[in-house]
Amino acid sequence: GWGDAFVWIGIGVFVVVLFIGIGWSAPNMAKALAALEAQDMPSVGASMKRVANAGLVIVALLIFAEFAMVFRLGAG
C-alpha cells in the first residue's frame, strides 16, 4: 500500500531524478551547447563532465529504487 516505505522510496527517487535532470543536467547541457558554438572546448568538456556525473548519480538512485522495490523494503 501507500504506507510502505518502498513505495515512498520510489516516489522520492523519481522526484530527485526529476530535479537533477531539470535543475542540473539541462542547464549544464545549455552551457555546453553555448560553449560548443563559441568553440570553447575546455568549457564544453567541463559542462559535459558535470552532466555525466549527474547521470551517474541518477543511475545509482535508480538502482537503489529498484532494489527497494524488488525486496519490498519496509513492507508491512
N, C-alpha and C. Protein backbone atom coordinates (compact mmCIF):
# COMPACT_ATOMS: atom_id res chain seq x y z
N GLY A 1 0.81 -1.19 0.00
CA GLY A 1 0.00 0.00 0.00
C GLY A 1 0.86 1.26 0.00
N TRP A 2 0.16 2.39 0.05
CA TRP A 2 0.85 3.68 0.02
C TRP A 2 1.69 3.92 1.26
N GLY A 3 1.43 3.21 2.33
CA GLY A 3 2.19 3.40 3.57
C GLY A 3 3.51 2.67 3.61
N ASP A 4 3.76 1.79 2.64
CA ASP A 4 5.00 1.03 2.63
C ASP A 4 6.19 1.91 2.22
N ALA A 5 7.31 1.69 2.87
CA ALA A 5 8.49 2.52 2.64
C ALA A 5 8.98 2.42 1.20
N PHE A 6 8.92 1.24 0.60
CA PHE A 6 9.47 1.10 -0.76
C PHE A 6 8.69 1.93 -1.77
N VAL A 7 7.41 2.14 -1.52
CA VAL A 7 6.61 2.99 -2.41
C VAL A 7 7.11 4.43 -2.33
N TRP A 8 7.33 4.91 -1.12
CA TRP A 8 7.79 6.29 -0.93
C TRP A 8 9.23 6.46 -1.38
N ILE A 9 10.04 5.41 -1.26
CA ILE A 9 11.40 5.46 -1.80
C ILE A 9 11.34 5.66 -3.31
N GLY A 10 10.49 4.91 -3.97
CA GLY A 10 10.34 5.04 -5.42
C GLY A 10 9.86 6.43 -5.83
N ILE A 11 8.89 6.95 -5.11
CA ILE A 11 8.38 8.29 -5.41
C ILE A 11 9.46 9.34 -5.14
N GLY A 12 10.16 9.18 -4.03
CA GLY A 12 11.24 10.12 -3.70
C GLY A 12 12.35 10.11 -4.72
N VAL A 13 12.74 8.93 -5.17
CA VAL A 13 13.78 8.83 -6.19
C VAL A 13 13.31 9.48 -7.49
N PHE A 14 12.05 9.27 -7.86
CA PHE A 14 11.51 9.90 -9.06
C PHE A 14 11.63 11.42 -8.97
N VAL A 15 11.25 11.98 -7.84
CA VAL A 15 11.29 13.43 -7.65
C VAL A 15 12.73 13.94 -7.70
N VAL A 16 13.64 13.26 -7.03
CA VAL A 16 15.04 13.68 -7.02
C VAL A 16 15.64 13.60 -8.42
N VAL A 17 15.36 12.53 -9.14
CA VAL A 17 15.87 12.38 -10.51
C VAL A 17 15.30 13.48 -11.41
N LEU A 18 14.05 13.81 -11.23
CA LEU A 18 13.43 14.89 -12.00
C LEU A 18 14.14 16.22 -11.73
N PHE A 19 14.41 16.52 -10.46
CA PHE A 19 15.09 17.76 -10.12
C PHE A 19 16.53 17.78 -10.62
N ILE A 20 17.21 16.65 -10.58
CA ILE A 20 18.57 16.60 -11.11
C ILE A 20 18.55 16.86 -12.61
N GLY A 21 17.61 16.26 -13.30
CA GLY A 21 17.51 16.45 -14.74
C GLY A 21 17.18 17.87 -15.13
N ILE A 22 16.19 18.44 -14.45
CA ILE A 22 15.75 19.80 -14.79
C ILE A 22 16.69 20.85 -14.22
N GLY A 23 17.11 20.67 -12.98
CA GLY A 23 17.88 21.70 -12.30
C GLY A 23 19.38 21.65 -12.50
N TRP A 24 19.91 20.50 -12.90
CA TRP A 24 21.36 20.36 -13.02
C TRP A 24 21.77 20.02 -14.45
N SER A 25 21.23 18.96 -14.99
CA SER A 25 21.68 18.49 -16.31
C SER A 25 21.26 19.43 -17.43
N ALA A 26 20.03 19.89 -17.43
CA ALA A 26 19.56 20.76 -18.52
C ALA A 26 20.35 22.06 -18.60
N PRO A 27 20.58 22.77 -17.48
CA PRO A 27 21.40 23.99 -17.59
C PRO A 27 22.84 23.72 -18.03
N ASN A 28 23.40 22.61 -17.58
CA ASN A 28 24.76 22.28 -18.00
C ASN A 28 24.82 21.89 -19.47
N MET A 29 23.78 21.27 -19.97
CA MET A 29 23.73 20.97 -21.41
C MET A 29 23.62 22.27 -22.21
N ALA A 30 22.85 23.23 -21.70
CA ALA A 30 22.74 24.53 -22.38
C ALA A 30 24.09 25.24 -22.39
N LYS A 31 24.83 25.17 -21.27
CA LYS A 31 26.17 25.76 -21.21
C LYS A 31 27.11 25.08 -22.19
N ALA A 32 27.01 23.77 -22.27
CA ALA A 32 27.87 23.02 -23.19
C ALA A 32 27.57 23.41 -24.63
N LEU A 33 26.30 23.56 -24.96
CA LEU A 33 25.92 23.95 -26.32
C LEU A 33 26.44 25.35 -26.65
N ALA A 34 26.29 26.28 -25.71
CA ALA A 34 26.79 27.64 -25.93
C ALA A 34 28.31 27.64 -26.09
N ALA A 35 28.99 26.86 -25.28
CA ALA A 35 30.45 26.77 -25.38
C ALA A 35 30.87 26.11 -26.69
N LEU A 36 30.10 25.13 -27.12
CA LEU A 36 30.40 24.46 -28.39
C LEU A 36 30.25 25.43 -29.56
N GLU A 37 29.20 26.22 -29.52
CA GLU A 37 29.01 27.21 -30.58
C GLU A 37 30.11 28.26 -30.58
N ALA A 38 30.66 28.56 -29.39
CA ALA A 38 31.77 29.52 -29.28
C ALA A 38 33.12 28.84 -29.48
N GLN A 39 33.10 27.54 -29.71
CA GLN A 39 34.31 26.72 -29.88
C GLN A 39 35.24 26.80 -28.67
N ASP A 40 34.64 26.84 -27.48
CA ASP A 40 35.38 26.85 -26.22
C ASP A 40 35.39 25.41 -25.67
N MET A 41 36.29 24.60 -26.21
CA MET A 41 36.28 23.16 -25.90
C MET A 41 36.53 22.84 -24.43
N PRO A 42 37.39 23.57 -23.71
CA PRO A 42 37.53 23.25 -22.28
C PRO A 42 36.22 23.42 -21.50
N SER A 43 35.44 24.44 -21.85
CA SER A 43 34.15 24.64 -21.18
C SER A 43 33.15 23.56 -21.57
N VAL A 44 33.20 23.12 -22.82
CA VAL A 44 32.33 22.02 -23.26
C VAL A 44 32.65 20.78 -22.44
N GLY A 45 33.94 20.48 -22.31
CA GLY A 45 34.34 19.29 -21.54
C GLY A 45 33.92 19.38 -20.08
N ALA A 46 34.07 20.56 -19.48
CA ALA A 46 33.70 20.72 -18.07
C ALA A 46 32.19 20.56 -17.88
N SER A 47 31.41 21.15 -18.78
CA SER A 47 29.95 21.03 -18.67
C SER A 47 29.50 19.59 -18.88
N MET A 48 30.09 18.93 -19.85
CA MET A 48 29.72 17.54 -20.12
C MET A 48 30.14 16.61 -18.98
N LYS A 49 31.25 16.94 -18.31
CA LYS A 49 31.66 16.14 -17.16
C LYS A 49 30.63 16.26 -16.04
N ARG A 50 30.11 17.49 -15.83
CA ARG A 50 29.07 17.67 -14.80
C ARG A 50 27.80 16.90 -15.18
N VAL A 51 27.45 16.90 -16.45
CA VAL A 51 26.28 16.15 -16.90
C VAL A 51 26.50 14.65 -16.69
N ALA A 52 27.69 14.16 -17.02
CA ALA A 52 28.00 12.74 -16.84
C ALA A 52 27.96 12.35 -15.37
N ASN A 53 28.48 13.20 -14.49
CA ASN A 53 28.43 12.91 -13.06
C ASN A 53 27.00 12.87 -12.55
N ALA A 54 26.17 13.77 -13.04
CA ALA A 54 24.76 13.74 -12.66
C ALA A 54 24.11 12.44 -13.15
N GLY A 55 24.51 12.00 -14.33
CA GLY A 55 23.99 10.73 -14.86
C GLY A 55 24.36 9.56 -13.97
N LEU A 56 25.57 9.58 -13.44
CA LEU A 56 25.99 8.50 -12.53
C LEU A 56 25.16 8.51 -11.25
N VAL A 57 24.89 9.69 -10.74
CA VAL A 57 24.05 9.80 -9.54
C VAL A 57 22.64 9.28 -9.84
N ILE A 58 22.11 9.65 -10.99
CA ILE A 58 20.77 9.19 -11.38
C ILE A 58 20.73 7.67 -11.48
N VAL A 59 21.73 7.08 -12.10
CA VAL A 59 21.77 5.61 -12.24
C VAL A 59 21.84 4.96 -10.86
N ALA A 60 22.66 5.50 -9.97
CA ALA A 60 22.78 4.94 -8.62
C ALA A 60 21.44 5.03 -7.88
N LEU A 61 20.76 6.15 -8.01
CA LEU A 61 19.45 6.30 -7.36
C LEU A 61 18.43 5.32 -7.93
N LEU A 62 18.44 5.15 -9.24
CA LEU A 62 17.50 4.21 -9.85
C LEU A 62 17.79 2.77 -9.45
N ILE A 63 19.05 2.42 -9.31
CA ILE A 63 19.41 1.08 -8.84
C ILE A 63 18.91 0.89 -7.41
N PHE A 64 19.08 1.91 -6.57
CA PHE A 64 18.60 1.82 -5.19
C PHE A 64 17.08 1.66 -5.16
N ALA A 65 16.37 2.44 -5.98
CA ALA A 65 14.91 2.33 -6.02
C ALA A 65 14.49 0.94 -6.49
N GLU A 66 15.17 0.42 -7.49
CA GLU A 66 14.87 -0.94 -7.99
C GLU A 66 15.08 -1.96 -6.88
N PHE A 67 16.18 -1.83 -6.15
CA PHE A 67 16.46 -2.74 -5.02
C PHE A 67 15.35 -2.65 -3.97
N ALA A 68 14.95 -1.41 -3.65
CA ALA A 68 13.91 -1.21 -2.63
C ALA A 68 12.59 -1.83 -3.05
N MET A 69 12.29 -1.75 -4.34
CA MET A 69 11.02 -2.28 -4.81
C MET A 69 11.04 -3.80 -4.97
N VAL A 70 12.16 -4.32 -5.43
CA VAL A 70 12.26 -5.78 -5.59
C VAL A 70 12.19 -6.46 -4.23
N PHE A 71 12.90 -5.92 -3.23
CA PHE A 71 12.94 -6.55 -1.92
C PHE A 71 11.91 -5.97 -0.96
N ARG A 72 11.05 -5.09 -1.49
CA ARG A 72 9.94 -4.52 -0.73
C ARG A 72 10.38 -4.01 0.63
N LEU A 73 11.36 -3.10 0.62
CA LEU A 73 11.86 -2.54 1.87
C LEU A 73 10.75 -1.85 2.63
N GLY A 74 10.64 -2.16 3.90
CA GLY A 74 9.65 -1.53 4.75
C GLY A 74 8.22 -1.97 4.52
N ALA A 75 8.04 -3.08 3.80
CA ALA A 75 6.67 -3.57 3.55
C ALA A 75 6.09 -4.12 4.83
N GLY A 76 4.84 -3.82 5.04
CA GLY A 76 4.16 -4.26 6.26
C GLY A 76 3.59 -5.58 6.12
